Amino acid sequence: MPKQNQEFEIGDRVVERPSVPIRLSNRAVREAEKFKHGTVVGKEQRKQRARNTKQGYSMRSYLKVKWDIRSVAESVMQFRVIPESELETQLELLYHEID
């Protein structure tokens, strides 16, 4: 079972976490099967407002990821990416869940 709270370091290769595909058309299904691959270029903690905490906010982990298909880095919540080495395992779990 893959780790849920994965710690990433700068330079790690990551891929967008697979999600359940929504079948709109054949073209949309083909596009959904392509996952973004990239490299972690930075890490940061951000405050997110949360009424149910004593401080009024919670800290969220974000990664700056330079996707292979983009020219600039993008901020992504840490739980939205997984290491490239775990992609096949995640896909098997996802398709097993759908069946």
PDB file of N, CA and C in Angstrom:
ATOM      1  N   MET A   1       0.842  -1.177   0.000  1.00  0.00           N
ATOM      2  CA  MET A   1       0.000   0.000   0.000  1.00  0.00           C
ATOM      3  C   MET A   1       0.889   1.242   0.000  1.00  0.00           C
ATOM      4  N   PRO A   2       0.658   2.208  -0.901  1.00  0.00           N
ATOM      5  CA  PRO A   2       1.462   3.421  -0.942  1.00  0.00           C
ATOM      6  C   PRO A   2       1.239   4.286   0.293  1.00  0.00           C
ATOM      7  N   LYS A   3       2.252   5.065   0.641  1.00  0.00           N
ATOM      8  CA  LYS A   3       2.147   5.964   1.785  1.00  0.00           C
ATOM      9  C   LYS A   3       1.167   7.087   1.469  1.00  0.00           C
ATOM     10  N   GLN A   4       0.364   7.476   2.454  1.00  0.00           N
ATOM     11  CA  GLN A   4      -0.576   8.570   2.261  1.00  0.00           C
ATOM     12  C   GLN A   4       0.099   9.924   2.450  1.00  0.00           C
ATOM     13  N   ASN A   5       0.972  10.047   3.450  1.00  0.00           N
ATOM     14  CA  ASN A   5       1.653  11.308   3.721  1.00  0.00           C
ATOM     15  C   ASN A   5       3.075  11.235   3.189  1.00  0.00           C
ATOM     16  N   GLN A   6       3.213  11.257   1.895  1.00  0.00           N
ATOM     17  CA  GLN A   6       4.501  11.169   1.233  1.00  0.00           C
ATOM     18  C   GLN A   6       5.241  12.491   1.381  1.00  0.00           C
ATOM     19  N   GLU A   7       6.489  12.440   1.792  1.00  0.00           N
ATOM     20  CA  GLU A   7       7.325  13.639   1.863  1.00  0.00           C
ATOM     21  C   GLU A   7       8.154  13.695   0.584  1.00  0.00           C
ATOM     22  N   PHE A   8       8.063  14.792  -0.116  1.00  0.00           N
ATOM     23  CA  PHE A   8       8.799  14.970  -1.362  1.00  0.00           C
ATOM     24  C   PHE A   8       9.964  15.907  -1.131  1.00  0.00           C
ATOM     25  N   GLU A   9      11.038  15.695  -1.853  1.00  0.00           N
ATOM     26  CA  GLU A   9      12.209  16.553  -1.815  1.00  0.00           C
ATOM     27  C   GLU A   9      12.337  17.254  -3.155  1.00  0.00           C
ATOM     28  N   ILE A  10      13.040  18.373  -3.163  1.00  0.00           N
ATOM     29  CA  ILE A  10      13.271  19.099  -4.406  1.00  0.00           C
ATOM     30  C   ILE A  10      14.071  18.199  -5.341  1.00  0.00           C
ATOM     31  N   GLY A  11      13.624  18.105  -6.576  1.00  0.00           N
ATOM     32  CA  GLY A  11      14.268  17.241  -7.570  1.00  0.00           C
ATOM     33  C   GLY A  11      13.554  15.914  -7.774  1.00  0.00           C
ATOM     34  N   ASP A  12      12.605  15.557  -6.905  1.00  0.00           N
ATOM     35  CA  ASP A  12      11.857  14.299  -7.057  1.00  0.00           C
ATOM     36  C   ASP A  12      10.960  14.364  -8.283  1.00  0.00           C
ATOM     37  N   ARG A  13      10.845  13.243  -8.974  1.00  0.00           N
ATOM     38  CA  ARG A  13       9.932  13.138 -10.108  1.00  0.00           C
ATOM     39  C   ARG A  13       8.566  12.723  -9.581  1.00  0.00           C
ATOM     40  N   VAL A  14       7.519  13.435 -10.003  1.00  0.00           N
ATOM     41  CA  VAL A  14       6.160  13.158  -9.548  1.00  0.00           C
ATOM     42  C   VAL A  14       5.222  13.090 -10.737  1.00  0.00           C
ATOM     43  N   VAL A  15       4.042  12.548 -10.479  1.00  0.00           N
ATOM     44  CA  VAL A  15       3.000  12.461 -11.494  1.00  0.00           C
ATOM     45  C   VAL A  15       1.684  12.837 -10.826  1.00  0.00           C
ATOM     46  N   GLU A  16       0.788  13.418 -11.608  1.00  0.00           N
ATOM     47  CA  GLU A  16      -0.529  13.791 -11.113  1.00  0.00           C
ATOM     48  C   GLU A  16      -1.271  12.541 -10.648  1.00  0.00           C
ATOM     49  N   ARG A  17      -1.902  12.613  -9.466  1.00  0.00           N
ATOM     50  CA  ARG A  17      -2.611  11.448  -8.918  1.00  0.00           C
ATOM     51  C   ARG A  17      -3.785  11.085  -9.826  1.00  0.00           C
ATOM     52  N   PRO A  18      -3.921   9.809 -10.199  1.00  0.00           N
ATOM     53  CA  PRO A  18      -5.055   9.392 -11.035  1.00  0.00           C
ATOM     54  C   PRO A  18      -6.378   9.543 -10.287  1.00  0.00           C
ATOM     55  N   SER A  19      -7.425   9.877 -11.032  1.00  0.00           N
ATOM     56  CA  SER A  19      -8.754   9.971 -10.442  1.00  0.00           C
ATOM     57  C   SER A  19      -9.729   9.210 -11.339  1.00  0.00           C
ATOM     58  N   VAL A  20     -10.928   9.025 -10.871  1.00  0.00           N
ATOM     59  CA  VAL A  20     -11.927   8.281 -11.633  1.00  0.00           C
ATOM     60  C   VAL A  20     -12.276   9.064 -12.892  1.00  0.00           C
ATOM     61  N   PRO A  21     -12.120   8.458 -14.072  1.00  0.00           N
ATOM     62  CA  PRO A  21     -12.424   9.183 -15.307  1.00  0.00           C
ATOM     63  C   PRO A  21     -13.926   9.389 -15.489  1.00  0.00           C
ATOM     64  N   ILE A  22     -14.266  10.554 -15.965  1.00  0.00           N
ATOM     65  CA  ILE A  22     -15.660  10.848 -16.309  1.00  0.00           C
ATOM     66  C   ILE A  22     -15.778  10.640 -17.812  1.00  0.00           C
ATOM     67  N   ARG A  23     -16.636   9.762 -18.224  1.00  0.00           N
ATOM     68  CA  ARG A  23     -16.730   9.419 -19.643  1.00  0.00           C
ATOM     69  C   ARG A  23     -17.705  10.347 -20.363  1.00  0.00           C
ATOM     70  N   LEU A  24     -17.124  11.349 -21.025  1.00  0.00           N
ATOM     71  CA  LEU A  24     -17.937  12.300 -21.778  1.00  0.00           C
ATOM     72  C   LEU A  24     -17.954  11.947 -23.264  1.00  0.00           C
ATOM     73  N   SER A  25     -16.790  11.652 -23.793  1.00  0.00           N
ATOM     74  CA  SER A  25     -16.663  11.271 -25.194  1.00  0.00           C
ATOM     75  C   SER A  25     -15.385  10.456 -25.334  1.00  0.00           C
ATOM     76  N   ASN A  26     -15.185   9.851 -26.490  1.00  0.00           N
ATOM     77  CA  ASN A  26     -13.980   9.049 -26.695  1.00  0.00           C
ATOM     78  C   ASN A  26     -12.724   9.903 -26.581  1.00  0.00           C
ATOM     79  N   ARG A  27     -12.775  11.127 -27.138  1.00  0.00           N
ATOM     80  CA  ARG A  27     -11.617  12.013 -27.075  1.00  0.00           C
ATOM     81  C   ARG A  27     -11.317  12.404 -25.629  1.00  0.00           C
ATOM     82  N   ALA A  28     -12.349  12.697 -24.852  1.00  0.00           N
ATOM     83  CA  ALA A  28     -12.162  13.085 -23.455  1.00  0.00           C
ATOM     84  C   ALA A  28     -11.555  11.937 -22.655  1.00  0.00           C
ATOM     85  N   VAL A  29     -11.952  10.711 -22.939  1.00  0.00           N
ATOM     86  CA  VAL A  29     -11.403   9.549 -22.233  1.00  0.00           C
ATOM     87  C   VAL A  29      -9.916   9.406 -22.556  1.00  0.00           C
ATOM     88  N   ARG A  30      -9.540   9.577 -23.830  1.00  0.00           N
ATOM     89  CA  ARG A  30      -8.129   9.478 -24.208  1.00  0.00           C
ATOM     90  C   ARG A  30      -7.309  10.572 -23.532  1.00  0.00           C
ATOM     91  N   GLU A  31      -7.842  11.784 -23.462  1.00  0.00           N
ATOM     92  CA  GLU A  31      -7.129  12.886 -22.819  1.00  0.00           C
ATOM     93  C   GLU A  31      -7.000  12.642 -21.317  1.00  0.00           C
ATOM     94  N   ALA A  32      -8.019  12.047 -20.699  1.00  0.00           N
ATOM     95  CA  ALA A  32      -7.998  11.805 -19.259  1.00  0.00           C
ATOM     96  C   ALA A  32      -6.967  10.749 -18.883  1.00  0.00           C
ATOM     97  N   GLU A  33      -6.619   9.856 -19.814  1.00  0.00           N
ATOM     98  CA  GLU A  33      -5.670   8.792 -19.518  1.00  0.00           C
ATOM     99  C   GLU A  33      -4.224   9.282 -19.518  1.00  0.00           C
ATOM    100  N   LYS A  34      -3.988  10.509 -19.993  1.00  0.00           N
ATOM    101  CA  LYS A  34      -2.644  11.070 -19.979  1.00  0.00           C
ATOM    102  C   LYS A  34      -2.438  11.786 -18.654  1.00  0.00           C
ATOM    103  N   PHE A  35      -1.369  11.451 -17.968  1.00  0.00           N
ATOM    104  CA  PHE A  35      -1.075  12.060 -16.686  1.00  0.00           C
ATOM    105  C   PHE A  35       0.085  13.030 -16.837  1.00  0.00           C
ATOM    106  N   LYS A  36       0.038  14.119 -16.099  1.00  0.00           N
ATOM    107  CA  LYS A  36       1.123  15.093 -16.136  1.00  0.00           C
ATOM    108  C   LYS A  36       2.285  14.581 -15.292  1.00  0.00           C
ATOM    109  N   HIS A  37       3.472  14.625 -15.864  1.00  0.00           N
ATOM    110  CA  HIS A  37       4.698  14.243 -15.175  1.00  0.00           C
ATOM    111  C   HIS A  37       5.511  15.509 -14.956  1.00  0.00           C
ATOM    112  N   GLY A  38       6.223  15.571 -13.834  1.00  0.00           N
ATOM    113  CA  GLY A  38       7.016  16.762 -13.574  1.00  0.00           C
ATOM    114  C   GLY A  38       8.049  16.548 -12.481  1.00  0.00           C
ATOM    115  N   THR A  39       8.729  17.646 -12.146  1.00  0.00           N
ATOM    116  CA  THR A  39       9.784  17.644 -11.149  1.00  0.00           C
ATOM    117  C   THR A  39       9.454  18.668 -10.070  1.00  0.00           C
ATOM    118  N   VAL A  40       9.659  18.283  -8.810  1.00  0.00           N
ATOM    119  CA  VAL A  40       9.432  19.196  -7.695  1.00  0.00           C
ATOM    120  C   VAL A  40      10.567  20.223  -7.676  1.00  0.00           C
ATOM    121  N   VAL A  41      10.205  21.510  -7.714  1.00  0.00           N
ATOM    122  CA  VAL A  41      11.217  22.567  -7.693  1.00  0.00           C
ATOM    123  C   VAL A  41      11.128  23.421  -6.428  1.00  0.00           C
ATOM    124  N   GLY A  42      10.112  23.192  -5.595  1.00  0.00           N
ATOM    125  CA  GLY A  42       9.989  23.945  -4.358  1.00  0.00           C
ATOM    126  C   GLY A  42       8.904  23.388  -3.463  1.00  0.00           C
ATOM    127  N   LYS A  43       8.966  23.780  -2.178  1.00  0.00           N
ATOM    128  CA  LYS A  43       7.958  23.351  -1.204  1.00  0.00           C
ATOM    129  C   LYS A  43       7.561  24.563  -0.384  1.00  0.00           C
ATOM    130  N   GLU A  44       6.294  24.589   0.060  1.00  0.00           N
ATOM    131  CA  GLU A  44       5.851  25.682   0.917  1.00  0.00           C
ATOM    132  C   GLU A  44       4.656  25.256   1.759  1.00  0.00           C
ATOM    133  N   GLN A  45       4.454  25.965   2.854  1.00  0.00           N
ATOM    134  CA  GLN A  45       3.303  25.754   3.729  1.00  0.00           C
ATOM    135  C   GLN A  45       2.420  26.988   3.599  1.00  0.00           C
ATOM    136  N   ARG A  46       1.119  26.788   3.441  1.00  0.00           N
ATOM    137  CA  ARG A  46       0.187  27.909   3.335  1.00  0.00           C
ATOM    138  C   ARG A  46      -0.892  27.774   4.397  1.00  0.00           C
ATOM    139  N   LYS A  47      -1.352  28.914   4.857  1.00  0.00           N
ATOM    140  CA  LYS A  47      -2.470  28.930   5.787  1.00  0.00           C
ATOM    141  C   LYS A  47      -3.763  28.838   4.995  1.00  0.00           C
ATOM    142  N   GLN A  48      -4.672  27.990   5.463  1.00  0.00           N
ATOM    143  CA  GLN A  48      -5.998  27.906   4.866  1.00  0.00           C
ATOM    144  C   GLN A  48      -7.014  28.099   5.977  1.00  0.00           C
ATOM    145  N   ARG A  49      -7.949  28.981   5.740  1.00  0.00           N
ATOM    146  CA  ARG A  49      -8.933  29.306   6.752  1.00  0.00           C
ATOM    147  C   ARG A  49      -9.736  28.068   7.138  1.00  0.00           C
ATOM    148  N   ALA A  50      -9.883  27.873   8.443  1.00  0.00           N
ATOM    149  CA  ALA A  50     -10.646  26.732   8.954  1.00  0.00           C
ATOM    150  C   ALA A  50     -11.313  27.166  10.256  1.00  0.00           C
ATOM    151  N   ARG A  51     -12.602  27.246  10.247  1.00  0.00           N
ATOM    152  CA  ARG A  51     -13.350  27.729  11.411  1.00  0.00           C
ATOM    153  C   ARG A  51     -13.301  26.768  12.596  1.00  0.00           C
ATOM    154  N   ASN A  52     -13.138  25.501  12.325  1.00  0.00           N
ATOM    155  CA  ASN A  52     -13.204  24.508  13.407  1.00  0.00           C
ATOM    156  C   ASN A  52     -11.870  24.309  14.131  1.00  0.00           C
ATOM    157  N   THR A  53     -10.864  25.128  13.860  1.00  0.00           N
ATOM    158  CA  THR A  53      -9.607  25.039  14.591  1.00  0.00           C
ATOM    159  C   THR A  53      -9.470  26.222  15.543  1.00  0.00           C
ATOM    160  N   LYS A  54      -8.673  26.024  16.573  1.00  0.00           N
ATOM    161  CA  LYS A  54      -8.495  27.072  17.583  1.00  0.00           C
ATOM    162  C   LYS A  54      -7.862  28.334  16.981  1.00  0.00           C
ATOM    163  N   GLN A  55      -6.891  28.146  16.073  1.00  0.00           N
ATOM    164  CA  GLN A  55      -6.213  29.293  15.480  1.00  0.00           C
ATOM    165  C   GLN A  55      -7.034  29.976  14.394  1.00  0.00           C
ATOM    166  N   GLY A  56      -8.029  29.275  13.850  1.00  0.00           N
ATOM    167  CA  GLY A  56      -8.812  29.829  12.750  1.00  0.00           C
ATOM    168  C   GLY A  56      -8.252  29.486  11.382  1.00  0.00           C
ATOM    169  N   TYR A  57      -7.162  28.719  11.363  1.00  0.00           N
ATOM    170  CA  TYR A  57      -6.581  28.302  10.083  1.00  0.00           C
ATOM    171  C   TYR A  57      -5.856  26.974  10.287  1.00  0.00           C
ATOM    172  N   SER A  58      -5.584  26.311   9.172  1.00  0.00           N
ATOM    173  CA  SER A  58      -4.759  25.105   9.209  1.00  0.00           C
ATOM    174  C   SER A  58      -3.649  25.271   8.178  1.00  0.00           C
ATOM    175  N   MET A  59      -2.557  24.582   8.387  1.00  0.00           N
ATOM    176  CA  MET A  59      -1.417  24.675   7.468  1.00  0.00           C
ATOM    177  C   MET A  59      -1.519  23.556   6.435  1.00  0.00           C
ATOM    178  N   ARG A  60      -1.396  23.927   5.174  1.00  0.00           N
ATOM    179  CA  ARG A  60      -1.459  22.963   4.068  1.00  0.00           C
ATOM    180  C   ARG A  60      -0.123  22.939   3.333  1.00  0.00           C
ATOM    181  N   SER A  61       0.290  21.750   2.923  1.00  0.00           N
ATOM    182  CA  SER A  61       1.542  21.590   2.188  1.00  0.00           C
ATOM    183  C   SER A  61       1.296  21.718   0.691  1.00  0.00           C
ATOM    184  N   TYR A  62       2.067  22.582   0.061  1.00  0.00           N
ATOM    185  CA  TYR A  62       2.010  22.771  -1.382  1.00  0.00           C
ATOM    186  C   TYR A  62       3.382  22.488  -1.966  1.00  0.00           C
ATOM    187  N   LEU A  63       3.396  21.991  -3.187  1.00  0.00           N
ATOM    188  CA  LEU A  63       4.634  21.767  -3.916  1.00  0.00           C
ATOM    189  C   LEU A  63       4.629  22.646  -5.153  1.00  0.00           C
ATOM    190  N   LYS A  64       5.793  23.168  -5.505  1.00  0.00           N
ATOM    191  CA  LYS A  64       5.958  23.858  -6.778  1.00  0.00           C
ATOM    192  C   LYS A  64       6.461  22.788  -7.737  1.00  0.00           C
ATOM    193  N   VAL A  65       5.663  22.494  -8.764  1.00  0.00           N
ATOM    194  CA  VAL A  65       6.009  21.421  -9.704  1.00  0.00           C
ATOM    195  C   VAL A  65       6.191  22.024 -11.092  1.00  0.00           C
ATOM    196  N   LYS A  66       7.294  21.699 -11.721  1.00  0.00           N
ATOM    197  CA  LYS A  66       7.558  22.101 -13.105  1.00  0.00           C
ATOM    198  C   LYS A  66       7.143  20.914 -13.959  1.00  0.00           C
ATOM    199  N   TRP A  67       5.920  20.993 -14.531  1.00  0.00           N
ATOM    200  CA  TRP A  67       5.411  19.911 -15.372  1.00  0.00           C
ATOM    201  C   TRP A  67       6.205  19.862 -16.671  1.00  0.00           C
ATOM    202  N   ASP A  68       6.354  18.670 -17.225  1.00  0.00           N
ATOM    203  CA  ASP A  68       7.104  18.497 -18.473  1.00  0.00           C
ATOM    204  C   ASP A  68       6.449  19.233 -19.635  1.00  0.00           C
ATOM    205  N   ILE A  69       5.129  19.401 -19.585  1.00  0.00           N
ATOM    206  CA  ILE A  69       4.412  20.029 -20.703  1.00  0.00           C
ATOM    207  C   ILE A  69       4.249  21.535 -20.539  1.00  0.00           C
ATOM    208  N   ARG A  70       4.777  22.113 -19.444  1.00  0.00           N
ATOM    209  CA  ARG A  70       4.630  23.547 -19.184  1.00  0.00           C
ATOM    210  C   ARG A  70       5.998  24.196 -19.052  1.00  0.00           C
ATOM    211  N   SER A  71       6.020  25.510 -19.257  1.00  0.00           N
ATOM    212  CA  SER A  71       7.294  26.231 -19.167  1.00  0.00           C
ATOM    213  C   SER A  71       7.523  26.858 -17.796  1.00  0.00           C
ATOM    214  N   VAL A  72       6.468  26.969 -16.975  1.00  0.00           N
ATOM    215  CA  VAL A  72       6.617  27.562 -15.642  1.00  0.00           C
ATOM    216  C   VAL A  72       6.126  26.575 -14.581  1.00  0.00           C
ATOM    217  N   ALA A  73       6.619  26.768 -13.346  1.00  0.00           N
ATOM    218  CA  ALA A  73       6.214  25.898 -12.245  1.00  0.00           C
ATOM    219  C   ALA A  73       4.808  26.268 -11.779  1.00  0.00           C
ATOM    220  N   GLU A  74       4.125  25.291 -11.220  1.00  0.00           N
ATOM    221  CA  GLU A  74       2.744  25.460 -10.759  1.00  0.00           C
ATOM    222  C   GLU A  74       2.644  24.965  -9.320  1.00  0.00           C
ATOM    223  N   SER A  75       1.884  25.683  -8.480  1.00  0.00           N
ATOM    224  CA  SER A  75       1.660  25.237  -7.106  1.00  0.00           C
ATOM    225  C   SER A  75       0.573  24.173  -7.093  1.00  0.00           C
ATOM    226  N   VAL A  76       0.862  23.053  -6.422  1.00  0.00           N
ATOM    227  CA  VAL A  76      -0.064  21.932  -6.362  1.00  0.00           C
ATOM    228  C   VAL A  76      -0.113  21.445  -4.916  1.00  0.00           C
ATOM    229  N   MET A  77      -1.321  21.137  -4.417  1.00  0.00           N
ATOM    230  CA  MET A  77      -1.410  20.559  -3.079  1.00  0.00           C
ATOM    231  C   MET A  77      -0.682  19.218  -3.077  1.00  0.00           C
ATOM    232  N   GLN A  78       0.008  18.952  -1.988  1.00  0.00           N
ATOM    233  CA  GLN A  78       0.873  17.771  -1.920  1.00  0.00           C
ATOM    234  C   GLN A  78       0.112  16.472  -2.141  1.00  0.00           C
ATOM    235  N   PHE A  79      -1.134  16.377  -1.688  1.00  0.00           N
ATOM    236  CA  PHE A  79      -1.867  15.121  -1.831  1.00  0.00           C
ATOM    237  C   PHE A  79      -2.340  14.866  -3.261  1.00  0.00           C
ATOM    238  N   ARG A  80      -2.167  15.836  -4.164  1.00  0.00           N
ATOM    239  CA  ARG A  80      -2.595  15.662  -5.550  1.00  0.00           C
ATOM    240  C   ARG A  80      -1.531  15.028  -6.431  1.00  0.00           C
ATOM    241  N   VAL A  81      -0.331  14.779  -5.890  1.00  0.00           N
ATOM    242  CA  VAL A  81       0.730  14.154  -6.684  1.00  0.00           C
ATOM    243  C   VAL A  81       1.264  12.927  -5.956  1.00  0.00           C
ATOM    244  N   ILE A  82       1.829  12.026  -6.738  1.00  0.00           N
ATOM    245  CA  ILE A  82       2.452  10.813  -6.204  1.00  0.00           C
ATOM    246  C   ILE A  82       3.796  10.624  -6.904  1.00  0.00           C
ATOM    247  N   PRO A  83       4.716   9.852  -6.322  1.00  0.00           N
ATOM    248  CA  PRO A  83       5.974   9.560  -7.013  1.00  0.00           C
ATOM    249  C   PRO A  83       5.709   8.781  -8.308  1.00  0.00           C
ATOM    250  N   GLU A  84       6.525   9.024  -9.314  1.00  0.00           N
ATOM    251  CA  GLU A  84       6.352   8.318 -10.588  1.00  0.00           C
ATOM    252  C   GLU A  84       6.379   6.807 -10.413  1.00  0.00           C
ATOM    253  N   SER A  85       7.170   6.327  -9.477  1.00  0.00           N
ATOM    254  CA  SER A  85       7.312   4.882  -9.272  1.00  0.00           C
ATOM    255  C   SER A  85       6.017   4.233  -8.770  1.00  0.00           C
ATOM    256  N   GLU A  86       5.088   5.015  -8.200  1.00  0.00           N
ATOM    257  CA  GLU A  86       3.842   4.461  -7.658  1.00  0.00           C
ATOM    258  C   GLU A  86       2.657   4.575  -8.617  1.00  0.00           C
ATOM    259  N   LEU A  87       2.865   5.071  -9.825  1.00  0.00           N
ATOM    260  CA  LEU A  87       1.750   5.286 -10.761  1.00  0.00           C
ATOM    261  C   LEU A  87       1.033   3.990 -11.096  1.00  0.00           C
ATOM    262  N   GLU A  88       1.765   2.950 -11.434  1.00  0.00           N
ATOM    263  CA  GLU A  88       1.131   1.678 -11.812  1.00  0.00           C
ATOM    264  C   GLU A  88       0.305   1.099 -10.668  1.00  0.00           C
ATOM    265  N   THR A  89       0.825   1.177  -9.451  1.00  0.00           N
ATOM    266  CA  THR A  89       0.101   0.674  -8.271  1.00  0.00           C
ATOM    267  C   THR A  89      -1.194   1.455  -8.068  1.00  0.00           C
ATOM    268  N   GLN A  90      -1.127   2.773  -8.189  1.00  0.00           N
ATOM    269  CA  GLN A  90      -2.309   3.612  -8.017  1.00  0.00           C
ATOM    270  C   GLN A  90      -3.353   3.317  -9.093  1.00  0.00           C
ATOM    271  N   LEU A  91      -2.904   3.091 -10.326  1.00  0.00           N
ATOM    272  CA  LEU A  91      -3.844   2.763 -11.409  1.00  0.00           C
ATOM    273  C   LEU A  91      -4.540   1.433 -11.145  1.00  0.00           C
ATOM    274  N   GLU A  92      -3.777   0.433 -10.675  1.00  0.00           N
ATOM    275  CA  GLU A  92      -4.385  -0.860 -10.357  1.00  0.00           C
ATOM    276  C   GLU A  92      -5.435  -0.713  -9.258  1.00  0.00           C
ATOM    277  N   LEU A  93      -5.128   0.053  -8.218  1.00  0.00           N
ATOM    278  CA  LEU A  93      -6.093   0.289  -7.146  1.00  0.00           C
ATOM    279  C   LEU A  93      -7.334   1.007  -7.657  1.00  0.00           C
ATOM    280  N   LEU A  94      -7.128   1.992  -8.515  1.00  0.00           N
ATOM    281  CA  LEU A  94      -8.244   2.770  -9.050  1.00  0.00           C
ATOM    282  C   LEU A  94      -9.151   1.894  -9.911  1.00  0.00           C
ATOM    283  N   TYR A  95      -8.571   1.123 -10.831  1.00  0.00           N
ATOM    284  CA  TYR A  95      -9.400   0.292 -11.706  1.00  0.00           C
ATOM    285  C   TYR A  95     -10.064  -0.847 -10.955  1.00  0.00           C
ATOM    286  N   HIS A  96      -9.408  -1.343  -9.917  1.00  0.00           N
ATOM    287  CA  HIS A  96     -10.021  -2.376  -9.081  1.00  0.00           C
ATOM    288  C   HIS A  96     -11.237  -1.805  -8.346  1.00  0.00           C
ATOM    289  N   GLU A  97     -11.110  -0.533  -7.929  1.00  0.00           N
ATOM    290  CA  GLU A  97     -12.205   0.146  -7.217  1.00  0.00           C
ATOM    291  C   GLU A  97     -13.400   0.387  -8.137  1.00  0.00           C
ATOM    292  N   ILE A  98     -13.140   0.655  -9.414  1.00  0.00           N
ATOM    293  CA  ILE A  98     -14.218   0.935 -10.380  1.00  0.00           C
ATOM    294  C   ILE A  98     -14.996  -0.329 -10.705  1.00  0.00           C
ATOM    295  N   ASP A  99     -14.293  -1.458 -10.848  1.00  0.00           N
ATOM    296  CA  ASP A  99     -14.966  -2.714 -11.249  1.00  0.00           C
ATOM    297  C   ASP A  99     -15.924  -3.240 -10.235  1.00  0.00           C
TER     298      ASP A  99
END
